[in-house]
Amino acid sequence: MQVTPLEINDVKLFEPKVFGDSRGYFYESFNQRVFEQAVGRSVVFGQDNQSSSSKGVLRGLHYQLPDKAQGKLVRVVSGSIFDVAVDIRKSSPTYGQWVGAVLSEENKKQLWIPEGFAHGFLTLSKTAVVLYKATEFYAPELERSIIWNDAELNIQWPADGLTIQVSDKDAQGLSFASAEVFA
């Protein structure tokens, strides 16, 4: 498995070695030992989630506050998305910066988004099925959302020709300047 740190070093892109032939393919989608070596610490996942979205659906930017902050390992099993992580740790030198990557059924890449980041994605294909492992259980009382098109964050969503669709809840996300963030 190849692991590449992105512009924000704590966010990692995992690319598995795929073994394929005329019958199909095989790859190891997760290996705890390799993962922990890449992120430099012990990580326990408590929950797996799956979503299905249509083209132009944008989910996010979501996060949970401490003591239930979630790290997420995101992958796509059908279709493609543009996946984004925003550093919301005030003590970080990359506070307020974002990174993004295309994750798809074809490239089989996964994005590690540690605790202290907001997460969102835009569906690029007709439909996409997204799976992610979370380090903490869902805690609605600590869930927060930053508006996807916040001017200060200036995320460059690859939305050319797409009609962006967000949930009513996500449309009510706060601006980055007024959001509760990590110390």
Foldseek 3Di string as FASTA:
>chain_A
DDWDQDPPRQKIKDFWDWADDPVGIDTDLDDQVVVCVSNVHHFDFDDKDKDKDFAQEKDFQKFFDPPFTKKKKKAWQAAKKKKKKAQQAPVDPRHLEMDIDMHHNVRRMIMIHGGRIGIMIGGHGRMIMMMMTIRGDDDPVGMAGAAPCAPSSNDDGPQVPGDHDYDPVNNPHHHSVPDDGHD
